[in-house]
Amino acid sequence: MKQAISSVDSASADAQAARHGDTPSSDRALCVDLDGTLVATDTLWESLCMLARSQPWALLLAVVWLLRGGKANMKRRIAERVQLSAELLPYRQEILTYLEEQKRSGRRLVLATAADESIAQGVATHLGLFDDVLASDGQTNVAGATKLAWIRRSLGSAGFDYIGDSWADMPVWEASGRAIMVSPGPRLTQRVRGTCEVDRVFDSGGRWWVGVFRALRAHQWIKNLLLFLPFMLKHDLSELSKIPLNVVAFVAYSLCASGLYVMNDLLDLESDRRHSVKCNRPFASGQLSVRVGVAMVGLLLAGAFGLSLVLLPAGFVALLVAYMVLTTVYSFHLKRKLVVDVLALAGFYTLRILAGGVAVDVAVSEWLLAFSVFFFTSLAFVKRYCELAETIGKSQTSLHGRGYQAGDIGLVETFGCISGYLSVMILCLYVSSATAQNLYGNPQYLWLVPPILMYWISRVWFLAKRGEMSYDPVVFVTKDVASLVLVGVVGVIVLMAAL
């Protein structure tokens, strides 16, 4: 495998014979690419994401490995540190079905890939379809013309067909009997049709922009409406000119949050694929490539900080940086820490309120901050409770990627309910305080809000207990009619109190 192979041209006569159909397709081996073909992802980029999650400092070493020993060396070094789970990769079902049909017909199947051989062997073992595996061995990157040479050395003069997806596969297609293409672009399709017979084209038919929109998680932007809360609770109509600043802050925060959501999805690919719902996310399912995700992170964060630096106060920029740093630390480390992860989630909501106040130069009440901490801690516990309930339903003993055991569900429920009711108590203390008496014209109406809040929190926990709650209770509010009605009622009550 480690010898230089330069006999591609010497096999041209055999390739032409196979290309003209002199060898029946049933007698030709079927060589299959891995990245982008058999699986709807790139295993190198996925390995880099796993490395970033477990050993982020090693990303700098990856550059050294590439410069010193080439791409094959880098792949091998990364594979020695992180191991992809072959059973969790997003396989293209239509390709698997096709390969199973060919296997039953007696064809020899060869997995020919530029991925490291440890990954390729794992895939071959998991699927049990391939008779041979040709993959990068730490010294030679098996791609392009090199892949063709390795195929020739493995098959000799026998003809073969090839399934691939990219321009790097052109040398192999040119020497193949028939080409099978996976989600090719029009230019690549035209080029391949001009050099060999195209037997079949598999097209996922997915619209990439739909995946991009889903990856943004725009529905999560509702959380950023908290940035408007300090301005709204000030009840000062003379400062309506500050609303555009609040809108800019909302947009900047939303772009930043989406960038961090995408980053979190890239770091959590394996955990998401183990989840019954999260496995359908664009990157976990293979709808979007990891490379697209990396580009999205850069563009979204650049847009968020570009807007902030130009249009918003320095204090807002500092809080946005703090949000980004804390969220990154959460993604890498805190999310796997017992209870700390819940407190961090509550802190992110509170940070939004602070950022909204700084954006429009409005002081944020200590009452509001205290209420926010306990209220959102309760909702964070709801999220963990739902995940633990599903874990128990699957007869698993722990929540993958988190610090919770199945036996913790009772404590999670208790802590969540206590936190929610403490937020109600803080609200009651606020309503009776001098601050509320001075701010509101009719503060007595505010006493209608605590029982409504107590009812809503109790209802949320009842629904979670019954398995009828979504994983994100904040998003649940936007889809639950009763919650929307209660929000409207509270809004009317606050307006009546302010008049």
Protein backbone atom coordinates (compact mmCIF):
# COMPACT_ATOMS: atom_id res chain seq x y z
CA MET A 1 0.00 0.00 0.00
CA LYS A 2 2.87 2.34 0.72
CA GLN A 3 4.59 2.00 -2.66
CA ALA A 4 4.17 4.77 -5.20
CA ILE A 5 1.80 3.68 -7.94
CA SER A 6 2.07 5.22 -11.38
CA SER A 7 0.43 2.63 -13.59
CA VAL A 8 -2.84 4.46 -14.28
CA ASP A 9 -2.12 5.02 -17.98
CA SER A 10 -0.99 1.43 -18.50
CA ALA A 11 -4.50 0.24 -17.59
CA SER A 12 -6.23 2.50 -20.15
CA ALA A 13 -6.93 -0.35 -22.55
CA ASP A 14 -8.68 -2.33 -19.85
CA ALA A 15 -10.61 0.76 -18.80
CA GLN A 16 -11.76 1.40 -22.37
CA ALA A 17 -12.91 -2.21 -22.69
CA ALA A 18 -14.91 -1.96 -19.50
CA ARG A 19 -16.27 1.45 -20.52
CA HIS A 20 -17.56 0.05 -23.80
CA GLY A 21 -19.42 -2.69 -21.98
CA ASP A 22 -17.18 -5.63 -22.96
CA THR A 23 -17.45 -6.80 -19.36
CA PRO A 24 -20.97 -7.55 -18.10
CA SER A 25 -21.93 -5.29 -15.17
CA SER A 26 -22.55 -8.34 -12.96
CA ASP A 27 -18.89 -9.34 -13.43
CA ARG A 28 -17.53 -5.86 -12.67
CA ALA A 29 -16.71 -4.87 -9.13
CA LEU A 30 -18.62 -1.93 -7.69
CA CYS A 31 -16.37 0.61 -5.97
CA VAL A 32 -18.05 2.99 -3.56
CA ASP A 33 -16.88 6.31 -2.15
CA LEU A 34 -17.66 7.10 1.49
CA ASP A 35 -17.76 10.85 2.22
CA GLY A 36 -20.68 12.58 0.52
CA THR A 37 -21.66 9.34 -1.22
CA LEU A 38 -22.40 6.48 1.14
CA VAL A 39 -22.78 8.92 4.02
CA ALA A 40 -24.24 12.43 3.75
CA THR A 41 -21.30 14.01 5.56
CA ASP A 42 -17.52 14.38 5.49
CA THR A 43 -15.88 12.19 8.12
CA LEU A 44 -12.76 14.37 8.28
CA TRP A 45 -14.77 17.47 9.16
CA GLU A 46 -16.84 15.47 11.64
CA SER A 47 -13.64 14.21 13.25
CA LEU A 48 -12.38 17.79 13.51
CA CYS A 49 -15.61 18.76 15.28
CA MET A 50 -15.19 15.89 17.74
CA LEU A 51 -11.59 16.96 18.29
CA ALA A 52 -12.73 20.55 18.91
CA ARG A 53 -15.20 19.33 21.51
CA SER A 54 -12.88 16.98 23.40
CA GLN A 55 -9.41 18.48 22.79
CA PRO A 56 -9.81 22.00 21.34
CA TRP A 57 -6.11 22.75 21.71
CA ALA A 58 -5.36 19.87 19.34
CA LEU A 59 -6.86 21.83 16.45
CA LEU A 60 -3.59 23.76 16.30
CA LEU A 61 -1.71 20.47 16.17
CA ALA A 62 -3.82 19.44 13.19
CA VAL A 63 -2.18 22.20 11.16
CA VAL A 64 1.25 20.90 12.20
CA TRP A 65 0.28 17.34 11.27
CA LEU A 66 -0.90 18.54 7.86
CA LEU A 67 2.26 20.52 7.12
CA ARG A 68 4.64 17.81 8.32
CA GLY A 69 3.08 14.67 6.97
CA GLY A 70 0.33 15.65 4.54
CA LYS A 71 -3.40 15.10 4.65
CA ALA A 72 -3.21 11.35 5.27
CA ASN A 73 -0.98 11.92 8.29
CA MET A 74 -3.39 14.51 9.68
CA LYS A 75 -6.34 12.12 9.25
CA ARG A 76 -4.47 9.36 11.04
CA ARG A 77 -3.43 11.60 13.94
CA ILE A 78 -6.99 12.84 14.40
CA ALA A 79 -8.37 9.29 14.18
CA GLU A 80 -6.00 8.28 16.96
CA ARG A 81 -7.58 10.88 19.25
CA VAL A 82 -11.27 10.69 18.38
CA GLN A 83 -13.36 7.82 17.10
CA LEU A 84 -16.47 8.25 14.99
CA SER A 85 -19.33 5.88 15.74
CA ALA A 86 -19.97 4.11 12.44
CA GLU A 87 -23.50 3.15 13.46
CA LEU A 88 -24.45 6.82 13.98
CA LEU A 89 -23.25 8.22 10.65
CA PRO A 90 -26.00 9.61 8.36
CA TYR A 91 -26.07 6.91 5.69
CA ARG A 92 -27.91 7.61 2.46
CA GLN A 93 -30.67 5.03 2.58
CA GLU A 94 -31.14 4.94 -1.18
CA ILE A 95 -27.45 4.09 -1.66
CA LEU A 96 -27.61 1.38 1.00
CA THR A 97 -30.65 -0.16 -0.70
CA TYR A 98 -28.85 -0.11 -4.05
CA LEU A 99 -25.72 -1.72 -2.58
CA GLU A 100 -27.77 -4.42 -0.88
CA GLU A 101 -29.40 -5.24 -4.22
CA GLN A 102 -26.00 -5.43 -5.92
CA LYS A 103 -24.62 -7.58 -3.14
CA ARG A 104 -27.49 -10.04 -3.51
CA SER A 105 -26.79 -10.26 -7.23
CA GLY A 106 -23.27 -11.49 -6.44
CA ARG A 107 -21.24 -8.36 -7.23
CA ARG A 108 -18.01 -7.63 -5.46
CA LEU A 109 -18.31 -4.41 -3.44
CA VAL A 110 -15.24 -2.32 -2.62
CA LEU A 111 -15.26 0.66 -0.26
CA ALA A 112 -12.73 3.07 -1.78
CA THR A 113 -12.33 6.25 0.25
CA ALA A 114 -9.90 8.97 1.21
CA ALA A 115 -11.05 8.67 4.83
CA ASP A 116 -8.65 7.10 7.30
CA GLU A 117 -8.78 3.32 7.21
CA SER A 118 -9.90 3.12 10.85
CA ILE A 119 -13.09 4.95 9.89
CA ALA A 120 -13.53 2.99 6.68
CA GLN A 121 -13.06 -0.34 8.43
CA GLY A 122 -15.57 0.69 11.08
CA VAL A 123 -18.14 1.48 8.39
CA ALA A 124 -17.44 -1.79 6.55
CA THR A 125 -17.78 -3.82 9.74
CA HIS A 126 -21.01 -2.07 10.67
CA LEU A 127 -22.65 -2.56 7.27
CA GLY A 128 -21.27 -5.99 6.45
CA LEU A 129 -21.53 -5.33 2.70
CA PHE A 130 -18.00 -4.83 1.44
CA ASP A 131 -15.53 -7.45 0.22
CA ASP A 132 -12.56 -5.09 0.37
CA VAL A 133 -11.66 -1.69 1.86
CA LEU A 134 -9.22 0.78 0.30
CA ALA A 135 -8.54 3.82 2.49
CA SER A 136 -5.87 6.30 3.55
CA ASP A 137 -3.23 4.58 5.67
CA GLY A 138 -1.55 7.53 7.39
CA GLN A 139 0.99 8.03 4.61
CA THR A 140 -1.01 8.01 1.38
CA ASN A 141 -4.22 9.98 0.86
CA VAL A 142 -6.40 7.72 -1.27
CA ALA A 143 -8.14 10.32 -3.42
CA GLY A 144 -8.32 11.17 -7.13
CA ALA A 145 -5.73 9.43 -9.32
CA THR A 146 -4.24 7.72 -6.26
CA LYS A 147 -7.59 6.11 -5.52
CA LEU A 148 -7.76 4.82 -9.10
CA ALA A 149 -4.26 3.35 -8.78
CA TRP A 150 -5.21 1.55 -5.57
CA ILE A 151 -8.38 0.20 -7.16
CA ARG A 152 -6.36 -1.07 -10.11
CA ARG A 153 -3.86 -2.77 -7.82
CA SER A 154 -6.68 -4.43 -5.89
CA LEU A 155 -8.73 -5.55 -8.92
CA GLY A 156 -6.02 -6.06 -11.49
CA SER A 157 -7.35 -5.85 -15.06
CA ALA A 158 -10.94 -6.50 -14.04
CA GLY A 159 -13.44 -3.81 -14.90
CA PHE A 160 -15.33 -1.85 -12.26
CA ASP A 161 -18.13 0.65 -11.81
CA TYR A 162 -17.80 3.57 -9.42
CA ILE A 163 -20.18 5.50 -7.16
CA GLY A 164 -18.99 8.99 -6.24
CA ASP A 165 -20.15 12.54 -5.70
CA SER A 166 -17.42 15.11 -6.38
CA TRP A 167 -14.88 16.48 -8.85
CA ALA A 168 -12.14 14.61 -6.99
CA ASP A 169 -13.69 11.39 -8.34
CA MET A 170 -13.18 12.32 -12.01
CA PRO A 171 -10.03 10.18 -12.57
CA VAL A 172 -11.86 7.13 -11.21
CA TRP A 173 -15.00 7.76 -13.27
CA GLU A 174 -12.94 8.20 -16.43
CA ALA A 175 -11.50 4.70 -15.97
CA SER A 176 -14.72 3.03 -14.84
CA GLY A 177 -17.15 0.97 -16.84
CA ARG A 178 -20.17 2.90 -15.67
CA ALA A 179 -20.54 5.89 -13.37
CA ILE A 180 -23.11 6.16 -10.61
CA MET A 181 -23.39 9.71 -9.29
CA VAL A 182 -24.74 11.02 -5.98
CA SER A 183 -26.23 14.53 -5.77
CA PRO A 184 -23.97 15.96 -8.48
CA GLY A 185 -24.07 19.53 -9.73
CA PRO A 186 -25.02 20.17 -13.38
CA ARG A 187 -21.44 20.94 -14.47
CA LEU A 188 -20.08 17.77 -12.90
CA THR A 189 -22.87 15.71 -14.44
CA GLN A 190 -22.12 17.13 -17.88
CA ARG A 191 -18.40 16.47 -17.50
CA VAL A 192 -18.88 12.86 -16.40
CA ARG A 193 -21.40 12.15 -19.19
CA GLY A 194 -18.78 13.36 -21.64
CA THR A 195 -16.18 10.85 -20.46
CA CYS A 196 -18.08 7.69 -19.54
CA GLU A 197 -21.50 6.10 -19.41
CA VAL A 198 -23.62 7.31 -16.49
CA ASP A 199 -25.66 4.38 -15.29
CA ARG A 200 -27.62 6.10 -12.56
CA VAL A 201 -27.89 9.40 -10.70
CA PHE A 202 -29.04 9.52 -7.09
CA ASP A 203 -30.31 12.96 -6.13
CA SER A 204 -31.38 13.71 -2.57
CA GLY A 205 -33.70 16.39 -3.92
CA GLY A 206 -33.22 18.42 -0.73
CA ARG A 207 -33.28 22.19 -0.87
CA TRP A 208 -30.17 23.45 0.88
CA TRP A 209 -31.72 26.77 1.88
CA VAL A 210 -34.41 24.93 3.85
CA GLY A 211 -31.65 23.26 5.86
CA VAL A 212 -29.92 26.61 6.39
CA PHE A 213 -33.13 28.17 7.70
CA ARG A 214 -33.71 25.23 10.04
CA ALA A 215 -30.12 25.44 11.29
CA LEU A 216 -30.63 29.11 12.21
CA ARG A 217 -33.38 28.05 14.63
CA ALA A 218 -35.25 31.29 13.98
CA HIS A 219 -38.05 30.09 16.25
CA GLN A 220 -35.57 30.44 19.13
CA TRP A 221 -35.32 34.16 18.47
CA ILE A 222 -38.45 34.58 20.56
CA LYS A 223 -36.14 34.33 23.57
CA ASN A 224 -34.42 37.51 22.43
CA LEU A 225 -37.66 39.45 22.91
CA LEU A 226 -36.40 39.69 26.50
CA LEU A 227 -34.15 42.48 25.24
CA PHE A 228 -37.26 44.69 24.93
CA LEU A 229 -38.34 44.05 28.53
CA PRO A 230 -36.31 46.78 30.33
CA PHE A 231 -37.59 49.46 27.95
CA MET A 232 -41.19 48.24 28.16
CA LEU A 233 -41.20 48.09 31.96
CA LYS A 234 -39.92 51.64 32.25
CA HIS A 235 -43.30 52.91 30.96
CA ASP A 236 -41.75 56.05 29.45
CA LEU A 237 -43.48 56.96 26.18
CA SER A 238 -41.22 59.99 25.76
CA GLU A 239 -38.33 57.69 24.79
CA LEU A 240 -39.95 55.88 21.86
CA SER A 241 -37.02 57.02 19.72
CA LYS A 242 -34.94 54.32 21.41
CA ILE A 243 -37.02 51.52 19.90
CA PRO A 244 -34.83 51.29 16.73
CA LEU A 245 -31.82 50.64 18.97
CA ASN A 246 -33.72 47.86 20.67
CA VAL A 247 -34.57 46.37 17.28
CA VAL A 248 -30.90 46.46 16.21
CA ALA A 249 -29.93 44.83 19.50
CA PHE A 250 -32.53 42.13 18.89
CA VAL A 251 -31.19 41.44 15.39
CA ALA A 252 -27.56 41.38 16.55
CA TYR A 253 -28.36 39.06 19.44
CA SER A 254 -30.38 36.79 17.18
CA LEU A 255 -27.56 36.51 14.64
CA CYS A 256 -25.09 35.74 17.42
CA ALA A 257 -27.42 33.18 18.98
CA SER A 258 -27.95 31.44 15.62
CA GLY A 259 -24.21 31.29 15.04
CA LEU A 260 -23.74 29.70 18.44
CA TYR A 261 -26.64 27.28 17.84
CA VAL A 262 -24.93 26.12 14.66
CA MET A 263 -21.62 25.75 16.48
CA ASN A 264 -23.33 23.77 19.22
CA ASP A 265 -24.94 21.50 16.61
CA LEU A 266 -21.54 20.83 15.05
CA LEU A 267 -20.03 19.96 18.41
CA ASP A 268 -22.97 17.78 19.37
CA LEU A 269 -23.37 15.68 16.22
CA GLU A 270 -23.02 12.33 17.94
CA SER A 271 -25.27 13.22 20.88
CA ASP A 272 -27.92 14.63 18.54
CA ARG A 273 -27.93 11.46 16.46
CA ARG A 274 -28.69 9.43 19.56
CA HIS A 275 -31.70 11.65 20.28
CA SER A 276 -35.13 10.76 18.90
CA VAL A 277 -35.88 14.36 17.82
CA LYS A 278 -32.51 16.09 17.52
CA CYS A 279 -31.33 13.43 15.05
CA ASN A 280 -33.39 15.27 12.42
CA ARG A 281 -31.40 18.49 12.76
CA PRO A 282 -29.74 19.58 9.48
CA PHE A 283 -26.16 18.67 10.41
CA ALA A 284 -26.95 15.52 12.38
CA SER A 285 -29.10 14.17 9.54
CA GLY A 286 -26.62 15.15 6.82
CA GLN A 287 -28.97 17.66 5.19
CA LEU A 288 -26.18 20.24 5.52
CA SER A 289 -22.46 19.55 5.45
CA VAL A 290 -20.17 20.39 8.34
CA ARG A 291 -18.23 22.74 6.07
CA VAL A 292 -21.38 24.74 5.44
CA GLY A 293 -21.90 24.90 9.20
CA VAL A 294 -18.41 26.28 9.83
CA ALA A 295 -19.02 28.99 7.20
CA MET A 296 -22.38 29.83 8.76
CA VAL A 297 -20.82 30.29 12.19
CA GLY A 298 -18.29 32.76 10.81
CA LEU A 299 -20.81 34.79 8.80
CA LEU A 300 -23.43 34.97 11.55
CA LEU A 301 -20.99 36.06 14.23
CA ALA A 302 -19.42 38.61 11.88
CA GLY A 303 -22.87 40.07 11.16
CA ALA A 304 -23.78 40.20 14.86
CA PHE A 305 -20.64 42.01 15.96
CA GLY A 306 -20.56 44.22 12.86
CA LEU A 307 -23.99 45.62 13.71
CA SER A 308 -23.13 45.96 17.40
CA LEU A 309 -19.84 47.78 16.88
CA VAL A 310 -21.33 50.27 14.45
CA LEU A 311 -24.74 51.04 15.98
CA LEU A 312 -24.82 50.02 19.65
CA PRO A 313 -23.06 51.09 22.88
CA ALA A 314 -19.78 49.52 23.91
CA GLY A 315 -21.50 48.01 26.96
CA PHE A 316 -23.82 46.02 24.72
CA VAL A 317 -20.85 44.74 22.70
CA ALA A 318 -19.17 43.66 25.94
CA LEU A 319 -22.29 41.77 27.05
CA LEU A 320 -22.60 40.14 23.61
CA VAL A 321 -18.97 38.99 23.89
CA ALA A 322 -19.74 37.66 27.37
CA TYR A 323 -22.76 35.79 25.99
CA MET A 324 -20.67 34.29 23.19
CA VAL A 325 -17.85 33.24 25.53
CA LEU A 326 -20.17 31.78 28.16
CA THR A 327 -22.22 29.93 25.54
CA THR A 328 -19.03 28.51 24.03
CA VAL A 329 -17.82 27.37 27.43
CA TYR A 330 -21.26 25.87 27.99
CA SER A 331 -21.08 23.97 24.69
CA PHE A 332 -17.60 22.64 25.40
CA HIS A 333 -17.83 21.95 29.11
CA LEU A 334 -20.65 23.28 31.30
CA LYS A 335 -23.47 21.42 29.57
CA ARG A 336 -22.07 18.16 30.94
CA LYS A 337 -21.95 19.43 34.54
CA LEU A 338 -24.69 18.52 36.98
CA VAL A 339 -26.92 21.52 37.94
CA VAL A 340 -24.30 23.95 36.61
CA ASP A 341 -25.77 23.49 33.13
CA VAL A 342 -29.22 24.55 34.37
CA LEU A 343 -27.86 27.62 36.15
CA ALA A 344 -25.96 28.54 33.01
CA LEU A 345 -29.13 28.34 30.89
CA ALA A 346 -30.95 30.59 33.37
CA GLY A 347 -28.01 32.98 33.26
CA PHE A 348 -28.23 33.27 29.48
CA TYR A 349 -31.81 34.52 29.75
CA THR A 350 -30.88 37.02 32.43
CA LEU A 351 -27.97 38.23 30.32
CA ARG A 352 -30.43 39.03 27.53
CA ILE A 353 -32.38 41.30 29.86
CA LEU A 354 -29.19 43.09 30.93
CA ALA A 355 -28.13 43.53 27.30
CA GLY A 356 -31.51 45.00 26.41
CA GLY A 357 -31.22 47.56 29.17
CA VAL A 358 -27.70 48.57 28.15
CA ALA A 359 -28.73 48.89 24.47
CA VAL A 360 -31.29 51.61 25.28
CA ASP A 361 -29.58 53.01 28.40
CA VAL A 362 -32.26 51.80 30.83
CA ALA A 363 -31.31 50.59 34.31
CA VAL A 364 -32.46 47.03 34.95
CA SER A 365 -34.28 46.51 38.25
CA GLU A 366 -32.79 44.09 40.76
CA TRP A 367 -36.32 42.74 41.19
CA LEU A 368 -36.45 41.83 37.51
CA LEU A 369 -33.05 40.14 37.63
CA ALA A 370 -33.95 38.08 40.72
CA PHE A 371 -37.28 37.04 39.19
CA SER A 372 -35.55 36.10 35.94
CA VAL A 373 -32.97 33.86 37.62
CA PHE A 374 -35.54 31.72 39.46
CA PHE A 375 -38.15 31.69 36.70
CA PHE A 376 -35.76 30.57 33.99
CA THR A 377 -34.03 28.10 36.31
CA SER A 378 -37.41 26.40 36.64
CA LEU A 379 -37.81 26.27 32.85
CA ALA A 380 -34.28 24.92 32.44
CA PHE A 381 -35.12 22.12 34.86
CA VAL A 382 -38.24 21.39 32.79
CA LYS A 383 -36.01 20.87 29.77
CA ARG A 384 -33.76 18.44 31.63
CA TYR A 385 -36.77 16.67 33.12
CA CYS A 386 -38.24 15.97 29.67
CA GLU A 387 -34.89 14.64 28.44
CA LEU A 388 -34.53 12.39 31.49
CA ALA A 389 -38.07 11.10 31.07
CA GLU A 390 -37.26 10.04 27.52
CA THR A 391 -34.03 8.42 28.72
CA ILE A 392 -35.97 6.37 31.26
CA GLY A 393 -38.50 5.44 28.57
CA LYS A 394 -35.64 3.93 26.57
CA SER A 395 -34.43 1.96 29.61
CA GLN A 396 -31.19 3.92 29.66
CA THR A 397 -29.41 4.75 32.91
CA SER A 398 -27.99 8.18 32.06
CA LEU A 399 -28.62 11.18 29.86
CA HIS A 400 -26.02 11.09 27.07
CA GLY A 401 -23.77 14.14 27.00
CA ARG A 402 -25.17 15.48 30.29
CA GLY A 403 -24.35 14.94 33.95
CA TYR A 404 -27.66 13.37 34.96
CA GLN A 405 -28.61 9.82 35.86
CA ALA A 406 -32.06 8.33 35.41
CA GLY A 407 -32.50 8.25 39.20
CA ASP A 408 -32.07 12.05 39.37
CA ILE A 409 -35.44 12.76 37.78
CA GLY A 410 -37.20 13.18 41.13
CA LEU A 411 -34.72 15.80 42.31
CA VAL A 412 -34.88 17.60 38.96
CA GLU A 413 -38.66 17.80 39.31
CA THR A 414 -38.44 19.05 42.90
CA PHE A 415 -35.80 21.70 42.19
CA GLY A 416 -37.71 22.89 39.14
CA CYS A 417 -41.00 23.33 40.95
CA ILE A 418 -39.32 25.10 43.89
CA SER A 419 -37.52 27.51 41.57
CA GLY A 420 -40.75 28.33 39.75
CA TYR A 421 -42.66 29.05 42.96
CA LEU A 422 -39.77 31.16 44.29
CA SER A 423 -40.13 33.36 41.20
CA VAL A 424 -43.80 33.82 42.13
CA MET A 425 -42.80 34.83 45.66
CA ILE A 426 -40.31 37.37 44.32
CA LEU A 427 -43.05 38.80 42.12
CA CYS A 428 -45.33 39.14 45.16
CA LEU A 429 -42.60 40.92 47.11
CA TYR A 430 -42.06 43.26 44.18
CA VAL A 431 -45.74 44.14 43.87
CA SER A 432 -45.80 45.12 47.55
CA SER A 433 -42.55 47.09 47.33
CA ALA A 434 -42.12 50.85 47.17
CA THR A 435 -40.57 50.45 43.72
CA ALA A 436 -43.80 49.12 42.21
CA GLN A 437 -45.94 51.60 44.17
CA ASN A 438 -43.98 54.52 42.72
CA LEU A 439 -43.75 53.17 39.15
CA TYR A 440 -47.38 52.14 38.58
CA GLY A 441 -50.43 54.36 38.78
CA ASN A 442 -52.70 51.49 39.88
CA PRO A 443 -50.32 48.92 41.39
CA GLN A 444 -53.19 46.98 43.02
CA TYR A 445 -53.98 45.38 39.65
CA LEU A 446 -50.58 43.71 39.69
CA TRP A 447 -51.81 41.31 42.38
CA LEU A 448 -53.70 39.51 39.63
CA VAL A 449 -50.43 38.43 38.01
CA PRO A 450 -48.93 36.09 40.71
CA PRO A 451 -51.85 33.59 40.69
CA ILE A 452 -51.76 33.51 36.89
CA LEU A 453 -48.03 32.84 36.95
CA MET A 454 -48.46 30.17 39.62
CA TYR A 455 -51.10 28.46 37.50
CA TRP A 456 -48.91 28.56 34.38
CA ILE A 457 -45.84 27.14 36.14
CA SER A 458 -47.93 24.37 37.71
CA ARG A 459 -49.49 23.57 34.34
CA VAL A 460 -46.10 23.37 32.66
CA TRP A 461 -44.88 20.85 35.21
CA PHE A 462 -48.06 18.81 34.98
CA LEU A 463 -47.63 18.63 31.19
CA ALA A 464 -43.96 17.67 31.60
CA LYS A 465 -44.93 14.95 34.05
CA ARG A 466 -47.47 13.59 31.55
CA GLY A 467 -44.94 13.64 28.69
CA GLU A 468 -46.88 16.35 26.85
CA MET A 469 -44.23 19.08 27.07
CA SER A 470 -41.75 19.90 24.29
CA TYR A 471 -38.06 19.95 25.11
CA ASP A 472 -37.94 23.75 25.16
CA PRO A 473 -40.69 25.30 27.31
CA VAL A 474 -39.98 28.79 25.97
CA VAL A 475 -40.73 27.63 22.44
CA PHE A 476 -43.69 25.70 23.85
CA VAL A 477 -45.27 29.02 24.83
CA THR A 478 -45.45 30.09 21.19
CA LYS A 479 -47.45 26.99 20.24
CA ASP A 480 -49.66 26.59 23.30
CA VAL A 481 -52.97 28.46 23.04
CA ALA A 482 -53.52 28.61 26.79
CA SER A 483 -50.05 30.10 27.33
CA LEU A 484 -50.60 32.73 24.65
CA VAL A 485 -53.94 33.71 26.17
CA LEU A 486 -52.34 34.07 29.61
CA VAL A 487 -49.53 36.20 28.18
CA GLY A 488 -52.15 38.48 26.64
CA VAL A 489 -54.08 38.69 29.91
CA VAL A 490 -50.93 39.59 31.86
CA GLY A 491 -50.14 42.25 29.28
CA VAL A 492 -53.57 43.83 29.76
CA ILE A 493 -53.20 43.72 33.55
CA VAL A 494 -49.79 45.43 33.44
CA LEU A 495 -51.19 48.08 31.11
CA MET A 496 -54.11 48.71 33.48
CA ALA A 497 -51.68 49.00 36.39
CA ALA A 498 -49.49 51.46 34.51
CA LEU A 499 -52.31 53.87 33.62
